[in-house]
Amino acid sequence: MIPNVDAPGRARRVYYGVVYAIVAVSIVGLLAGMGTGRELVGTIVYAVGVWIGGGIAFLAPKLTEMPLQDERDSDLYNRASGLTLGVLFVVGLSVIPAIYVLEAAERVETPPEVNGAVLLASGLFLLWGVAYGIVKRR
């Protein structure tokens, strides 16, 4: 019998497909709950799905002998992370100062969501910097 040389590749595709499908269903459940006025049900669906998807993503590579992640995945994660942070950085440097200048000139009144988004983006950059420092020292 010829061994199935594509088994690791198929296992990786199934692994990622299952995790992303569970998370996608969770997000759709949350949005559906918000759209139908059943925020609690949507939030429960989201929380359960994300915990299950996250649990599978964390445990599956540790519980199987089949390689589910390799250097290609790490390279893709690094590139996606860099692109995401780069876009946030450019947009943030372009928009945030203008918002505060216009607010100081009393031309616009920023809603609390904008201030929350600024704090979230700032926190993300600080967290990334701390994580980078930790990884660099290891």
C-alpha atoms as a PDB file:
ATOM      1  CA  MET A   1       0.000   0.000   0.000  1.00  0.00           C
ATOM      2  CA  ILE A   2       1.280   3.477  -0.906  1.00  0.00           C
ATOM      3  CA  PRO A   3       1.410   5.854   2.057  1.00  0.00           C
ATOM      4  CA  ASN A   4      -0.665   9.013   1.750  1.00  0.00           C
ATOM      5  CA  VAL A   5       2.034  11.680   1.440  1.00  0.00           C
ATOM      6  CA  ASP A   6      -0.565  14.477   1.405  1.00  0.00           C
ATOM      7  CA  ALA A   7      -1.994  13.543   4.831  1.00  0.00           C
ATOM      8  CA  PRO A   8      -0.177  16.377   6.667  1.00  0.00           C
ATOM      9  CA  GLY A   9      -1.372  18.892   4.069  1.00  0.00           C
ATOM     10  CA  ARG A  10      -4.942  17.633   4.282  1.00  0.00           C
ATOM     11  CA  ALA A  11      -4.793  17.622   8.086  1.00  0.00           C
ATOM     12  CA  ARG A  12      -3.612  21.256   8.057  1.00  0.00           C
ATOM     13  CA  ARG A  13      -6.439  22.272   5.696  1.00  0.00           C
ATOM     14  CA  VAL A  14      -9.045  20.499   7.824  1.00  0.00           C
ATOM     15  CA  TYR A  15      -7.602  21.970  11.024  1.00  0.00           C
ATOM     16  CA  TYR A  16      -7.677  25.539   9.711  1.00  0.00           C
ATOM     17  CA  GLY A  17     -11.048  25.019   8.027  1.00  0.00           C
ATOM     18  CA  VAL A  18     -12.653  23.775  11.245  1.00  0.00           C
ATOM     19  CA  VAL A  19     -11.208  26.549  13.401  1.00  0.00           C
ATOM     20  CA  TYR A  20     -12.099  29.328  10.950  1.00  0.00           C
ATOM     21  CA  ALA A  21     -15.585  27.892  10.348  1.00  0.00           C
ATOM     22  CA  ILE A  22     -16.339  27.779  14.073  1.00  0.00           C
ATOM     23  CA  VAL A  23     -15.134  31.355  14.563  1.00  0.00           C
ATOM     24  CA  ALA A  24     -17.055  32.536  11.476  1.00  0.00           C
ATOM     25  CA  VAL A  25     -20.274  30.946  12.750  1.00  0.00           C
ATOM     26  CA  SER A  26     -19.633  32.613  16.111  1.00  0.00           C
ATOM     27  CA  ILE A  27     -19.276  36.038  14.502  1.00  0.00           C
ATOM     28  CA  VAL A  28     -22.384  35.526  12.370  1.00  0.00           C
ATOM     29  CA  GLY A  29     -24.256  34.435  15.511  1.00  0.00           C
ATOM     30  CA  LEU A  30     -23.205  37.601  17.316  1.00  0.00           C
ATOM     31  CA  LEU A  31     -24.215  39.821  14.397  1.00  0.00           C
ATOM     32  CA  ALA A  32     -27.520  37.973  13.998  1.00  0.00           C
ATOM     33  CA  GLY A  33     -28.237  38.409  17.706  1.00  0.00           C
ATOM     34  CA  MET A  34     -27.483  42.112  17.472  1.00  0.00           C
ATOM     35  CA  GLY A  35     -29.602  42.466  14.337  1.00  0.00           C
ATOM     36  CA  THR A  36     -32.618  40.710  15.823  1.00  0.00           C
ATOM     37  CA  GLY A  37     -32.490  42.366  19.224  1.00  0.00           C
ATOM     38  CA  ARG A  38     -31.268  39.195  20.960  1.00  0.00           C
ATOM     39  CA  GLU A  39     -27.875  40.446  21.984  1.00  0.00           C
ATOM     40  CA  LEU A  40     -27.547  38.023  24.893  1.00  0.00           C
ATOM     41  CA  VAL A  41     -28.156  34.969  22.690  1.00  0.00           C
ATOM     42  CA  GLY A  42     -25.738  36.319  20.077  1.00  0.00           C
ATOM     43  CA  THR A  43     -23.115  36.971  22.706  1.00  0.00           C
ATOM     44  CA  ILE A  44     -23.510  33.466  24.137  1.00  0.00           C
ATOM     45  CA  VAL A  45     -23.171  31.911  20.665  1.00  0.00           C
ATOM     46  CA  TYR A  46     -20.113  34.075  20.041  1.00  0.00           C
ATOM     47  CA  ALA A  47     -18.450  33.309  23.380  1.00  0.00           C
ATOM     48  CA  VAL A  48     -19.040  29.558  23.151  1.00  0.00           C
ATOM     49  CA  GLY A  49     -17.859  29.406  19.546  1.00  0.00           C
ATOM     50  CA  VAL A  50     -14.746  31.449  20.148  1.00  0.00           C
ATOM     51  CA  TRP A  51     -13.821  29.356  23.188  1.00  0.00           C
ATOM     52  CA  ILE A  52     -14.329  26.136  21.226  1.00  0.00           C
ATOM     53  CA  GLY A  53     -12.412  27.450  18.187  1.00  0.00           C
ATOM     54  CA  GLY A  54      -9.640  28.838  20.378  1.00  0.00           C
ATOM     55  CA  GLY A  55      -9.460  25.600  22.334  1.00  0.00           C
ATOM     56  CA  ILE A  56      -9.117  23.566  19.155  1.00  0.00           C
ATOM     57  CA  ALA A  57      -6.526  25.995  17.762  1.00  0.00           C
ATOM     58  CA  PHE A  58      -4.498  25.732  20.965  1.00  0.00           C
ATOM     59  CA  LEU A  59      -4.882  22.037  21.784  1.00  0.00           C
ATOM     60  CA  ALA A  60      -4.944  20.307  18.392  1.00  0.00           C
ATOM     61  CA  PRO A  61      -1.275  20.965  17.537  1.00  0.00           C
ATOM     62  CA  LYS A  62      -0.274  19.687  20.986  1.00  0.00           C
ATOM     63  CA  LEU A  63      -2.444  16.545  20.929  1.00  0.00           C
ATOM     64  CA  THR A  64      -1.614  15.194  17.490  1.00  0.00           C
ATOM     65  CA  GLU A  65       1.511  13.793  15.931  1.00  0.00           C
ATOM     66  CA  MET A  66       0.498  15.314  12.569  1.00  0.00           C
ATOM     67  CA  PRO A  67       2.175  18.663  11.863  1.00  0.00           C
ATOM     68  CA  LEU A  68      -0.616  21.259  11.744  1.00  0.00           C
ATOM     69  CA  GLN A  69       1.606  24.332  11.577  1.00  0.00           C
ATOM     70  CA  ASP A  70       4.913  24.995   9.908  1.00  0.00           C
ATOM     71  CA  GLU A  71       7.220  27.827   8.912  1.00  0.00           C
ATOM     72  CA  ARG A  72       4.848  28.913   6.110  1.00  0.00           C
ATOM     73  CA  ASP A  73       2.182  29.629   8.719  1.00  0.00           C
ATOM     74  CA  SER A  74       4.623  31.615  10.847  1.00  0.00           C
ATOM     75  CA  ASP A  75       5.682  33.628   7.810  1.00  0.00           C
ATOM     76  CA  LEU A  76       2.053  34.354   6.891  1.00  0.00           C
ATOM     77  CA  TYR A  77       1.223  35.380  10.473  1.00  0.00           C
ATOM     78  CA  ASN A  78       4.232  37.697  10.591  1.00  0.00           C
ATOM     79  CA  ARG A  79       3.361  39.309   7.261  1.00  0.00           C
ATOM     80  CA  ALA A  80      -0.324  39.709   8.181  1.00  0.00           C
ATOM     81  CA  SER A  81       0.609  41.152  11.580  1.00  0.00           C
ATOM     82  CA  GLY A  82       3.030  43.595  10.009  1.00  0.00           C
ATOM     83  CA  LEU A  83       0.519  44.655   7.372  1.00  0.00           C
ATOM     84  CA  THR A  84      -2.255  45.138   9.947  1.00  0.00           C
ATOM     85  CA  LEU A  85      -0.073  47.193  12.258  1.00  0.00           C
ATOM     86  CA  GLY A  86       1.326  49.174   9.326  1.00  0.00           C
ATOM     87  CA  VAL A  87      -2.142  50.101   8.078  1.00  0.00           C
ATOM     88  CA  LEU A  88      -3.265  51.064  11.596  1.00  0.00           C
ATOM     89  CA  PHE A  89      -0.095  53.077  12.064  1.00  0.00           C
ATOM     90  CA  VAL A  90      -0.457  55.033   8.800  1.00  0.00           C
ATOM     91  CA  VAL A  91      -4.184  55.639   9.295  1.00  0.00           C
ATOM     92  CA  GLY A  92      -3.625  56.580  12.931  1.00  0.00           C
ATOM     93  CA  LEU A  93      -0.826  59.025  12.163  1.00  0.00           C
ATOM     94  CA  SER A  94      -2.907  60.534   9.383  1.00  0.00           C
ATOM     95  CA  VAL A  95      -6.279  60.810  11.091  1.00  0.00           C
ATOM     96  CA  ILE A  96      -5.851  61.020  14.873  1.00  0.00           C
ATOM     97  CA  PRO A  97      -3.956  64.342  15.024  1.00  0.00           C
ATOM     98  CA  ALA A  98      -6.433  65.919  12.600  1.00  0.00           C
ATOM     99  CA  ILE A  99      -9.352  64.773  14.758  1.00  0.00           C
ATOM    100  CA  TYR A 100      -7.862  66.327  17.876  1.00  0.00           C
ATOM    101  CA  VAL A 101      -6.956  69.576  16.089  1.00  0.00           C
ATOM    102  CA  LEU A 102     -10.485  69.887  14.678  1.00  0.00           C
ATOM    103  CA  GLU A 103     -11.921  69.107  18.104  1.00  0.00           C
ATOM    104  CA  ALA A 104      -9.716  71.731  19.769  1.00  0.00           C
ATOM    105  CA  ALA A 105     -10.848  74.262  17.138  1.00  0.00           C
ATOM    106  CA  GLU A 106     -14.454  73.288  17.979  1.00  0.00           C
ATOM    107  CA  ARG A 107     -15.111  72.246  14.362  1.00  0.00           C
ATOM    108  CA  VAL A 108     -16.110  68.684  15.249  1.00  0.00           C
ATOM    109  CA  GLU A 109     -17.238  66.918  18.371  1.00  0.00           C
ATOM    110  CA  THR A 110     -15.782  63.449  18.594  1.00  0.00           C
ATOM    111  CA  PRO A 111     -18.100  60.746  19.869  1.00  0.00           C
ATOM    112  CA  PRO A 112     -16.903  58.460  22.673  1.00  0.00           C
ATOM    113  CA  GLU A 113     -16.459  55.642  20.130  1.00  0.00           C
ATOM    114  CA  VAL A 114     -13.677  57.596  18.420  1.00  0.00           C
ATOM    115  CA  ASN A 115     -11.856  58.101  21.709  1.00  0.00           C
ATOM    116  CA  GLY A 116     -12.341  54.402  22.445  1.00  0.00           C
ATOM    117  CA  ALA A 117     -10.918  53.479  19.043  1.00  0.00           C
ATOM    118  CA  VAL A 118      -7.894  55.716  19.646  1.00  0.00           C
ATOM    119  CA  LEU A 119      -7.312  54.115  23.045  1.00  0.00           C
ATOM    120  CA  LEU A 120      -7.761  50.630  21.559  1.00  0.00           C
ATOM    121  CA  ALA A 121      -5.269  51.290  18.757  1.00  0.00           C
ATOM    122  CA  SER A 122      -2.807  52.835  21.221  1.00  0.00           C
ATOM    123  CA  GLY A 123      -3.169  49.851  23.531  1.00  0.00           C
ATOM    124  CA  LEU A 124      -2.660  47.479  20.598  1.00  0.00           C
ATOM    125  CA  PHE A 125       0.623  49.162  19.677  1.00  0.00           C
ATOM    126  CA  LEU A 126       1.806  49.124  23.279  1.00  0.00           C
ATOM    127  CA  LEU A 127       0.858  45.454  23.663  1.00  0.00           C
ATOM    128  CA  TRP A 128       2.611  44.588  20.411  1.00  0.00           C
ATOM    129  CA  GLY A 129       5.727  46.430  21.589  1.00  0.00           C
ATOM    130  CA  VAL A 130       5.756  44.535  24.886  1.00  0.00           C
ATOM    131  CA  ALA A 131       5.180  41.217  23.098  1.00  0.00           C
ATOM    132  CA  TYR A 132       7.954  42.024  20.628  1.00  0.00           C
ATOM    133  CA  GLY A 133      10.331  42.817  23.474  1.00  0.00           C
ATOM    134  CA  ILE A 134       9.503  39.562  25.236  1.00  0.00           C
ATOM    135  CA  VAL A 135       9.936  37.483  22.068  1.00  0.00           C
ATOM    136  CA  LYS A 136      13.172  39.275  21.182  1.00  0.00           C
ATOM    137  CA  ARG A 137      14.715  38.524  24.576  1.00  0.00           C
ATOM    138  CA  ARG A 138      13.907  34.796  24.429  1.00  0.00           C
END
